[in-house]
Amino acid sequence: MLIHNKQIAIVGGGPGGLTLARLLQLKGANVKVYERDTDRFARVAGSPLDMHPDSGMAAIKKAGLVEELKQNYRAGADRKVIVDEHARVFFSDHDEQATEGSFNPEIGRMELRNLLLNSLQHETVIWDSHFISMEPQGEGWLLHFKNGVSAYADIVVASDGANSKIRPYITDIKAFYSGITMVEVNVPDAATAAPHIFNLLNGGKVMAFGNGKCILGGQKGEGSLGFYTSLKIAEDWAKTSGLNYNHPQQLLQWFKTEYAGWDEVWGEIFAHAAAPIIPRPIYCMPLDQTWQALPNATMIGDAAHVMPPFAGEGANTAMYDALQLSENLISADYSTLRDAIAAFEADMRMRASASAKRSLENGERMHSEGALQKMLAIFGGNH
């Protein structure tokens, strides 16, 4: 096995990094995950993840964690309604029966993270490890962290997200702005704070389209809802808007102006939002990116191929990256680590490019005139 007696460092403890650690440990590999969070409870939960059968679920199955996932997924959270700017429902799949044998669960990010963390060997994750830099040492790398600690690894895997600090050691290719910015809004105690929107979701998700803009939202657990207003706007808007993102009332006034013509019911989202409200410009790696493989470093997930979220492929693709990379690193089909990594990266880029292209196309469709009709055509019309 190519990784026999090799120390592997995974930088970043998201779904991709933790899945890779689990899969490699099942094969007896020496793995450490270096995570910048101070502990497993430090991160604020984001929106739930929809596990796709051929990517995220495939990785979960290979990791032997299907039963654990079944104990933690959110039944019904994958149900959706599609509405217009006046919150009129044009599509709902809440009454549809699941297809025989189908299991495409939604799971909260924290639930998935805890599930994966609990599957790892004791002290696999080194918390409070904010990566700063690394330098070649022998055939591997010496990694340096903000807390002053350094660690050696024969192989480094970047799983540190869209703003990866390891990616520049592998390639200088950068992401481009998609033209779309999403504004993340979280509403605690939504049944009381936003009752109309809470009832509209009915435990699932909502997709609202109107005037070239959209709102996407869903359940987050513990009675909270998470939403994204999504619109085409200048790349530097978040920095130049003059808005105080710790002041929801300011954002409510912005919303009423920017989303003029939308029903006032949507104002519930901002009226009782938890601070801060987070603007997120949406980026994408070039679809034709390529680089020369290294023998001792590679990337998975957003570090390798950040893309818009409009096909739901981000975390799923990262977890499938983990599955494919783990298979290559233990395979007898490659004579060197460089060959194993090169084969993985070539396949990864091809898969990710197809997903990113689909995400970009969906983003254009969702923010165009007539978006509602276009999305209804995809999902099956009126219900």
Foldseek 3Di string as FASTA:
>chain_A
DQQVVFEEEEEAQFLLSLLLQLLLVVVVHHAAYEHQAQDLPRDDWDAWAWADVVFNVVSCVSSVNPVLCVVAFQPPQAWEFEAELQLDTWDTCSPPDDDPPDDGTIGIRSSSSVSSVVSHDPNRYDYNFAWDDWDDDDQWIWTAGPVGDIDTGNAYEYPPAQPTPCLVVFDPFHWDFLQKKKKKWKFAQCCPLQVVVVVSQVQYKYWYADDLWIKIKTDNDNNMIMMITMHGDDPCCVVPVPDDQQDLVSVLVVCCVVVPPGDCSVSSRSVRTHPRIDMGGAIWTDLPDDGQFDQHYYYAFSSLTGAACLVSCRSRRSSNLSVQLSCLSPDPPDPGSSVSRRVSSVVSSNVSSVVRVVSSVSSSLRRDVVSSVVVCVVVPTGD
